[in-house]
């Protein structure tokens, strides 16, 4: 029995020795195989951008290196940092340590693997602004409809409504580009007779006072000077004539608009449902100014311009101001220049888009720095290097961080310069268009 007990004790002893040796062999294997193959840490930003992810970062932060701060800090504190301490302890036991070997080892354990893909995004970043070419500019056809009803002889300030309307129309027509076509329609005053000598109401007799062509100051002014007020006015006939003129110009190549200055809607007798149908089917191309109209007339005019623009004015000054600030803003070259110009908001949006990519690089860089400093701190606490060596090691970590920071800011400066160059080129193109139109 005693002999049996001794044999059992002997086997237990042998097993213990074998296990201990196995662990030592495992440590030695780690020392000889892994420690000897620790790569030299990157010295340049270019090489840092191409470095492999640290083995502890890969183990504990794979896919989460840029995670939200709370989750990231939790992983560092509970998992990565304790493992880092054990790795450093094993490293010290395996070989003679030095400032350089410690730095290589810390980067090997804790280096970021995010730089490469983010740096590529930064380098290939191209600011994107709306591309507008002169081929996109549509020519404009403007049909101006002049109310010549008897009520237009009423005063608007110091002048009649008709006189004020004439002046406003001349100013507006003169502001249109030289290559834009204008038609001036008027309600002719005389009562005409047809072939059977039947009288035709004046409000049905729409005449082309200025034929469809670019503005010519003398001829246009003359066509208005000869125009006098009549009796009744029909929007129905006027709108039908305007639409007939514009029907030859398709929307893909032309911007067609109808401009009306009126003090109300006077409908001829017996127009009935036809008038009401046209007046209720407003177009976005109709722009109307009502001259000192009452609520009923204002409602009728607003209905015509329901999808376009409408404004009631009570004075000549209001009329002139509204045409300059609103109607003249509708001219295609002004609208086109506004669309072609790169706005401050568009520039800021692209700058923010770049900065959002840069922020990811900065976060990866800052977090690598802080992880390496955790290692430096432990080395200092365990007195594994002299105070001077620890100081130099810490400085090296901070210097490498600074190099990455400066490099990414240099890329940012380059991209901002590229944005400015694009804006300058865009502004030059716009000025060339302006010079051409003028």
Foldseek 3Di string as FASTA:
>chain_A
DVVVVVVVVVVVVVVVVVVVVVVVVVLQCCLVPVLVPQDQDDDAPVVLLVDAAAPLCCVQPNVNLVPDPVVVVVSCVPPSLVVLLVVVVSNVVSDPDALRSLLSNLCNHQRDNPRNVLVVCLLPDAQDDDDDDPQQFAAEEEEEEEAQAPQQCPDFPPHGNLVLVLVLVLVLLVLAFQFHWYWYKYQDADFDADPVRDTDHSQLDIDTLDDTGRDDNVSSSVSSVPDHHHHAHAVLNVVVVLCVVCVVPDPSRYDYAYEYEEQFHGHDPPCPPSRVVQQQPADQRYEYEHEQHDPVRQVSNCNNNVNHYYYYDRHSVVSNVCCVVPVSCPHRLNVSLVSLAQDPVSLVVSLVVSVVSVVSSLSSLVSSLVSSVSSLVSCVVVVVDDPVSSVVSNVSSVVNSVSNVVVSVVSSVVNNVSVVVVNVVSVVSSVVVVVVRD
